[in-house]
Amino acid sequence: SSGINAEWPLRPGKCGGTSDAKPANDEIRAIVTQVKGAVEDHAKKSYSVFEPHSYTTQVVAGTNYFVKVKVADDGEHVHLRVHKSLPHAGGELSLHSIQHSKTEACPIEHF
C-alpha cells in the first residue's frame, strides 16, 4: 500500500464556493446540537424546537456549514453559519453568524 488516499481527488467540492443544498444528516444534527447554546445566547432566547432541515458547505481553511434549522412549531427557521476547523487545528466548531426570521422555503445562501 502506498499510503495515499485514493478518494481525495474524486471528492466533489469547489474551494471557496458553496455546495448544493442537501437534507440534514447525522453529522449536521450533531453540529447543530453542539452550537445550540451559542445560538440561544446570541438570540437571547431558548428554542424548544431546534431541528436541522438542510445545509450547504463551503470548503475554506476548514469547512463552513450553512444550516437551516427549524426553531418553532409555527415554521420559523434560522440559518446558521458554523465553521469547523481542519483536523490539525483541532476540528473545533464555532458559531460564526445567524440569520433570523427565515422560513422553510428560504434558500440557504452564503452569509
N, C-alpha and C. Protein backbone atom coordinates (compact mmCIF):
# COMPACT_ATOMS: atom_id res chain seq x y z
N SER A 1 0.84 -1.19 0.00
CA SER A 1 0.00 0.00 0.00
C SER A 1 0.88 1.25 0.00
N SER A 2 0.50 2.21 -0.82
CA SER A 2 1.30 3.43 -0.94
C SER A 2 1.01 4.43 0.17
N GLY A 3 -0.07 4.21 0.92
CA GLY A 3 -0.42 5.15 1.97
C GLY A 3 -1.12 6.39 1.44
N ILE A 4 -1.43 6.40 0.15
CA ILE A 4 -2.11 7.56 -0.45
C ILE A 4 -3.61 7.29 -0.44
N ASN A 5 -4.36 8.27 -0.02
CA ASN A 5 -5.82 8.17 -0.02
C ASN A 5 -6.30 8.38 -1.45
N ALA A 6 -6.74 7.31 -2.10
CA ALA A 6 -7.15 7.39 -3.50
C ALA A 6 -8.47 8.11 -3.69
N GLU A 7 -9.21 8.36 -2.60
CA GLU A 7 -10.51 9.01 -2.74
C GLU A 7 -10.41 10.52 -2.90
N TRP A 8 -9.35 11.13 -2.36
CA TRP A 8 -9.34 12.59 -2.31
C TRP A 8 -9.51 13.30 -3.63
N PRO A 9 -8.92 12.83 -4.76
CA PRO A 9 -9.13 13.62 -5.99
C PRO A 9 -10.55 13.47 -6.54
N LEU A 10 -11.30 12.48 -6.06
CA LEU A 10 -12.63 12.22 -6.59
C LEU A 10 -13.72 12.96 -5.82
N ARG A 11 -13.37 13.56 -4.69
CA ARG A 11 -14.37 14.23 -3.87
C ARG A 11 -14.82 15.51 -4.54
N PRO A 12 -16.14 15.67 -4.71
CA PRO A 12 -16.61 16.91 -5.31
C PRO A 12 -16.44 18.06 -4.33
N GLY A 13 -16.29 19.23 -4.85
CA GLY A 13 -16.17 20.41 -3.99
C GLY A 13 -15.34 21.44 -4.69
N LYS A 14 -15.79 22.65 -4.60
CA LYS A 14 -15.04 23.73 -5.21
C LYS A 14 -14.59 24.63 -4.10
N CYS A 15 -13.31 24.76 -3.93
CA CYS A 15 -12.77 25.56 -2.85
C CYS A 15 -13.30 26.98 -2.95
N GLY A 16 -13.92 27.46 -1.90
CA GLY A 16 -14.45 28.82 -1.88
C GLY A 16 -15.92 28.91 -2.21
N GLY A 17 -16.45 28.04 -3.07
CA GLY A 17 -17.86 28.08 -3.44
C GLY A 17 -18.68 27.21 -2.51
N THR A 18 -19.99 27.40 -2.50
CA THR A 18 -20.84 26.57 -1.65
C THR A 18 -21.42 25.42 -2.45
N SER A 19 -21.67 24.32 -1.75
CA SER A 19 -22.25 23.13 -2.37
C SER A 19 -23.75 23.36 -2.58
N ASP A 20 -24.38 22.43 -3.30
CA ASP A 20 -25.83 22.43 -3.40
C ASP A 20 -26.41 22.07 -2.05
N ALA A 21 -27.64 22.52 -1.78
CA ALA A 21 -28.31 22.20 -0.52
C ALA A 21 -28.62 20.71 -0.46
N LYS A 22 -28.43 20.14 0.73
CA LYS A 22 -28.69 18.72 0.96
C LYS A 22 -29.52 18.60 2.24
N PRO A 23 -30.32 17.52 2.37
CA PRO A 23 -31.06 17.31 3.62
C PRO A 23 -30.10 17.10 4.78
N ALA A 24 -30.49 17.57 5.96
CA ALA A 24 -29.66 17.39 7.15
C ALA A 24 -29.46 15.91 7.43
N ASN A 25 -28.24 15.54 7.83
CA ASN A 25 -27.90 14.15 8.16
C ASN A 25 -27.42 14.10 9.62
N ASP A 26 -26.92 12.94 10.04
CA ASP A 26 -26.48 12.79 11.43
C ASP A 26 -25.33 13.74 11.77
N GLU A 27 -24.40 13.96 10.84
CA GLU A 27 -23.29 14.89 11.11
C GLU A 27 -23.82 16.29 11.38
N ILE A 28 -24.78 16.73 10.58
CA ILE A 28 -25.35 18.08 10.74
C ILE A 28 -26.15 18.16 12.03
N ARG A 29 -26.90 17.11 12.36
CA ARG A 29 -27.64 17.11 13.63
C ARG A 29 -26.68 17.25 14.81
N ALA A 30 -25.52 16.56 14.74
CA ALA A 30 -24.53 16.65 15.82
C ALA A 30 -23.94 18.06 15.91
N ILE A 31 -23.65 18.67 14.76
CA ILE A 31 -23.10 20.03 14.74
C ILE A 31 -24.10 21.01 15.35
N VAL A 32 -25.35 20.91 14.93
CA VAL A 32 -26.39 21.82 15.42
C VAL A 32 -26.58 21.66 16.93
N THR A 33 -26.55 20.42 17.41
CA THR A 33 -26.68 20.18 18.85
C THR A 33 -25.54 20.85 19.61
N GLN A 34 -24.33 20.79 19.05
CA GLN A 34 -23.17 21.37 19.74
C GLN A 34 -23.20 22.89 19.79
N VAL A 35 -23.84 23.54 18.83
CA VAL A 35 -23.85 25.01 18.82
C VAL A 35 -25.17 25.60 19.33
N LYS A 36 -26.13 24.77 19.74
CA LYS A 36 -27.44 25.28 20.17
C LYS A 36 -27.30 26.32 21.28
N GLY A 37 -26.47 26.06 22.28
CA GLY A 37 -26.30 27.01 23.38
C GLY A 37 -25.79 28.36 22.89
N ALA A 38 -24.84 28.36 21.99
CA ALA A 38 -24.31 29.61 21.44
C ALA A 38 -25.37 30.35 20.63
N VAL A 39 -26.20 29.60 19.91
CA VAL A 39 -27.28 30.21 19.13
C VAL A 39 -28.27 30.87 20.08
N GLU A 40 -28.66 30.17 21.15
CA GLU A 40 -29.61 30.73 22.11
C GLU A 40 -29.02 31.94 22.83
N ASP A 41 -27.74 31.90 23.15
CA ASP A 41 -27.08 33.06 23.77
C ASP A 41 -27.14 34.26 22.82
N HIS A 42 -26.85 34.03 21.55
CA HIS A 42 -26.86 35.10 20.55
C HIS A 42 -28.26 35.66 20.37
N ALA A 43 -29.26 34.77 20.31
CA ALA A 43 -30.64 35.19 20.07
C ALA A 43 -31.30 35.72 21.34
N LYS A 44 -30.67 35.48 22.49
CA LYS A 44 -31.22 35.86 23.79
C LYS A 44 -32.58 35.22 24.05
N LYS A 45 -32.72 33.95 23.61
CA LYS A 45 -33.93 33.19 23.90
C LYS A 45 -33.64 31.71 23.76
N SER A 46 -34.54 30.91 24.32
CA SER A 46 -34.42 29.45 24.24
C SER A 46 -35.34 28.93 23.15
N TYR A 47 -34.91 27.87 22.50
CA TYR A 47 -35.72 27.24 21.47
C TYR A 47 -36.14 25.85 21.94
N SER A 48 -37.46 25.61 22.02
CA SER A 48 -37.93 24.27 22.39
C SER A 48 -37.86 23.34 21.19
N VAL A 49 -37.91 23.92 19.98
CA VAL A 49 -37.73 23.17 18.74
C VAL A 49 -36.39 23.61 18.16
N PHE A 50 -35.55 22.66 17.75
CA PHE A 50 -34.25 23.01 17.17
C PHE A 50 -33.84 21.86 16.26
N GLU A 51 -34.49 21.79 15.08
CA GLU A 51 -34.34 20.67 14.16
C GLU A 51 -33.70 21.12 12.85
N PRO A 52 -32.50 20.62 12.54
CA PRO A 52 -31.89 20.99 11.27
C PRO A 52 -32.69 20.44 10.10
N HIS A 53 -32.86 21.25 9.07
CA HIS A 53 -33.65 20.88 7.90
C HIS A 53 -32.75 20.52 6.72
N SER A 54 -31.84 21.42 6.36
CA SER A 54 -30.97 21.22 5.21
C SER A 54 -29.72 22.07 5.41
N TYR A 55 -28.73 21.86 4.53
CA TYR A 55 -27.47 22.58 4.70
C TYR A 55 -26.70 22.64 3.39
N THR A 56 -25.76 23.58 3.34
CA THR A 56 -24.75 23.62 2.28
C THR A 56 -23.40 23.73 2.99
N THR A 57 -22.33 23.47 2.25
CA THR A 57 -21.00 23.60 2.82
C THR A 57 -20.13 24.46 1.92
N GLN A 58 -19.09 25.01 2.51
CA GLN A 58 -18.08 25.79 1.79
C GLN A 58 -16.72 25.35 2.30
N VAL A 59 -15.87 24.89 1.39
CA VAL A 59 -14.53 24.46 1.77
C VAL A 59 -13.63 25.68 1.81
N VAL A 60 -13.07 25.94 2.98
CA VAL A 60 -12.14 27.06 3.21
C VAL A 60 -10.98 26.46 3.99
N ALA A 61 -10.40 27.16 4.92
CA ALA A 61 -9.40 26.56 5.83
C ALA A 61 -10.19 25.83 6.90
N GLY A 62 -10.77 24.73 6.50
CA GLY A 62 -11.77 24.00 7.28
C GLY A 62 -13.03 23.98 6.44
N THR A 63 -14.18 23.91 7.10
CA THR A 63 -15.45 23.89 6.38
C THR A 63 -16.44 24.82 7.06
N ASN A 64 -17.11 25.64 6.24
CA ASN A 64 -18.24 26.42 6.73
C ASN A 64 -19.50 25.63 6.43
N TYR A 65 -20.35 25.47 7.43
CA TYR A 65 -21.64 24.83 7.27
C TYR A 65 -22.71 25.91 7.37
N PHE A 66 -23.57 25.98 6.37
CA PHE A 66 -24.72 26.89 6.38
C PHE A 66 -25.94 25.99 6.58
N VAL A 67 -26.58 26.10 7.74
CA VAL A 67 -27.62 25.14 8.12
C VAL A 67 -28.94 25.84 8.38
N LYS A 68 -30.00 25.32 7.75
CA LYS A 68 -31.36 25.81 8.01
C LYS A 68 -31.91 24.99 9.17
N VAL A 69 -32.35 25.68 10.25
CA VAL A 69 -32.82 25.00 11.46
C VAL A 69 -34.21 25.49 11.81
N LYS A 70 -35.14 24.55 11.97
CA LYS A 70 -36.49 24.89 12.43
C LYS A 70 -36.42 25.17 13.92
N VAL A 71 -36.95 26.34 14.33
CA VAL A 71 -36.86 26.74 15.74
C VAL A 71 -38.23 26.95 16.40
N ALA A 72 -39.31 26.75 15.66
CA ALA A 72 -40.64 26.91 16.25
C ALA A 72 -41.65 26.08 15.46
N ASP A 73 -42.69 25.64 16.17
CA ASP A 73 -43.73 24.84 15.52
C ASP A 73 -44.50 25.62 14.47
N ASP A 74 -44.44 26.96 14.52
CA ASP A 74 -45.15 27.77 13.53
C ASP A 74 -44.39 27.89 12.21
N GLY A 75 -43.26 27.17 12.10
CA GLY A 75 -42.50 27.18 10.85
C GLY A 75 -41.33 28.14 10.82
N GLU A 76 -41.10 28.88 11.92
CA GLU A 76 -39.96 29.79 11.97
C GLU A 76 -38.65 29.00 11.89
N HIS A 77 -37.73 29.50 11.08
CA HIS A 77 -36.42 28.90 10.91
C HIS A 77 -35.35 29.97 11.13
N VAL A 78 -34.15 29.53 11.42
CA VAL A 78 -32.97 30.39 11.40
C VAL A 78 -31.95 29.73 10.49
N HIS A 79 -31.04 30.51 9.97
CA HIS A 79 -29.91 29.98 9.21
C HIS A 79 -28.66 30.21 10.05
N LEU A 80 -27.86 29.15 10.20
CA LEU A 80 -26.63 29.22 10.97
C LEU A 80 -25.44 29.11 10.05
N ARG A 81 -24.38 29.83 10.37
CA ARG A 81 -23.09 29.64 9.71
C ARG A 81 -22.15 29.15 10.80
N VAL A 82 -21.72 27.89 10.66
CA VAL A 82 -20.84 27.25 11.65
C VAL A 82 -19.55 26.87 10.95
N HIS A 83 -18.42 27.21 11.56
CA HIS A 83 -17.12 26.86 10.99
C HIS A 83 -16.53 25.68 11.76
N LYS A 84 -16.02 24.71 11.01
CA LYS A 84 -15.28 23.59 11.60
C LYS A 84 -13.86 23.68 11.09
N SER A 85 -12.91 23.85 12.03
CA SER A 85 -11.52 23.98 11.63
C SER A 85 -10.98 22.65 11.12
N LEU A 86 -9.85 22.71 10.43
CA LEU A 86 -9.21 21.49 9.91
C LEU A 86 -8.77 20.59 11.07
N PRO A 87 -8.67 19.28 10.81
CA PRO A 87 -8.28 18.35 11.88
C PRO A 87 -6.98 18.73 12.59
N HIS A 88 -5.97 19.18 11.86
CA HIS A 88 -4.71 19.54 12.51
C HIS A 88 -4.85 20.77 13.40
N ALA A 89 -5.93 21.53 13.21
CA ALA A 89 -6.19 22.72 14.02
C ALA A 89 -7.21 22.40 15.12
N GLY A 90 -7.50 21.12 15.30
CA GLY A 90 -8.40 20.71 16.38
C GLY A 90 -9.80 20.32 15.96
N GLY A 91 -10.17 20.60 14.71
CA GLY A 91 -11.51 20.25 14.25
C GLY A 91 -12.62 20.90 15.08
N GLU A 92 -12.33 22.09 15.64
CA GLU A 92 -13.27 22.76 16.53
C GLU A 92 -14.42 23.40 15.76
N LEU A 93 -15.59 23.39 16.40
CA LEU A 93 -16.77 24.05 15.84
C LEU A 93 -16.93 25.42 16.47
N SER A 94 -17.28 26.42 15.66
CA SER A 94 -17.60 27.73 16.21
C SER A 94 -18.76 28.34 15.41
N LEU A 95 -19.69 28.92 16.15
CA LEU A 95 -20.81 29.62 15.53
C LEU A 95 -20.29 30.93 14.98
N HIS A 96 -20.44 31.15 13.68
CA HIS A 96 -19.95 32.37 13.05
C HIS A 96 -21.04 33.43 13.02
N SER A 97 -22.24 33.08 12.55
CA SER A 97 -23.32 34.05 12.48
C SER A 97 -24.67 33.35 12.32
N ILE A 98 -25.73 34.13 12.51
CA ILE A 98 -27.10 33.63 12.46
C ILE A 98 -27.94 34.61 11.64
N GLN A 99 -28.84 34.06 10.83
CA GLN A 99 -29.86 34.87 10.16
C GLN A 99 -31.20 34.44 10.74
N HIS A 100 -31.98 35.42 11.22
CA HIS A 100 -33.27 35.15 11.85
C HIS A 100 -34.41 35.36 10.85
N SER A 101 -35.63 35.03 11.28
CA SER A 101 -36.86 35.28 10.52
C SER A 101 -36.84 34.61 9.15
N LYS A 102 -36.43 33.36 9.12
CA LYS A 102 -36.44 32.58 7.88
C LYS A 102 -37.61 31.60 7.92
N THR A 103 -37.96 31.07 6.75
CA THR A 103 -38.98 30.03 6.65
C THR A 103 -38.35 28.81 5.99
N GLU A 104 -39.09 27.71 5.95
CA GLU A 104 -38.57 26.51 5.29
C GLU A 104 -38.28 26.77 3.82
N ALA A 105 -39.04 27.67 3.20
CA ALA A 105 -38.88 27.95 1.77
C ALA A 105 -37.68 28.83 1.44
N CYS A 106 -37.13 29.54 2.42
CA CYS A 106 -35.99 30.44 2.15
C CYS A 106 -34.77 29.64 1.72
N PRO A 107 -34.16 29.98 0.60
CA PRO A 107 -32.94 29.28 0.19
C PRO A 107 -31.78 29.59 1.14
N ILE A 108 -30.90 28.63 1.30
CA ILE A 108 -29.72 28.85 2.13
C ILE A 108 -28.67 29.50 1.24
N GLU A 109 -28.24 30.69 1.63
CA GLU A 109 -27.26 31.42 0.84
C GLU A 109 -26.05 31.73 1.69
N HIS A 110 -24.92 31.99 1.03
CA HIS A 110 -23.69 32.36 1.72
C HIS A 110 -23.92 33.67 2.48
N PHE A 111 -23.49 33.71 3.73
CA PHE A 111 -23.57 34.95 4.51
C PHE A 111 -22.44 35.00 5.49
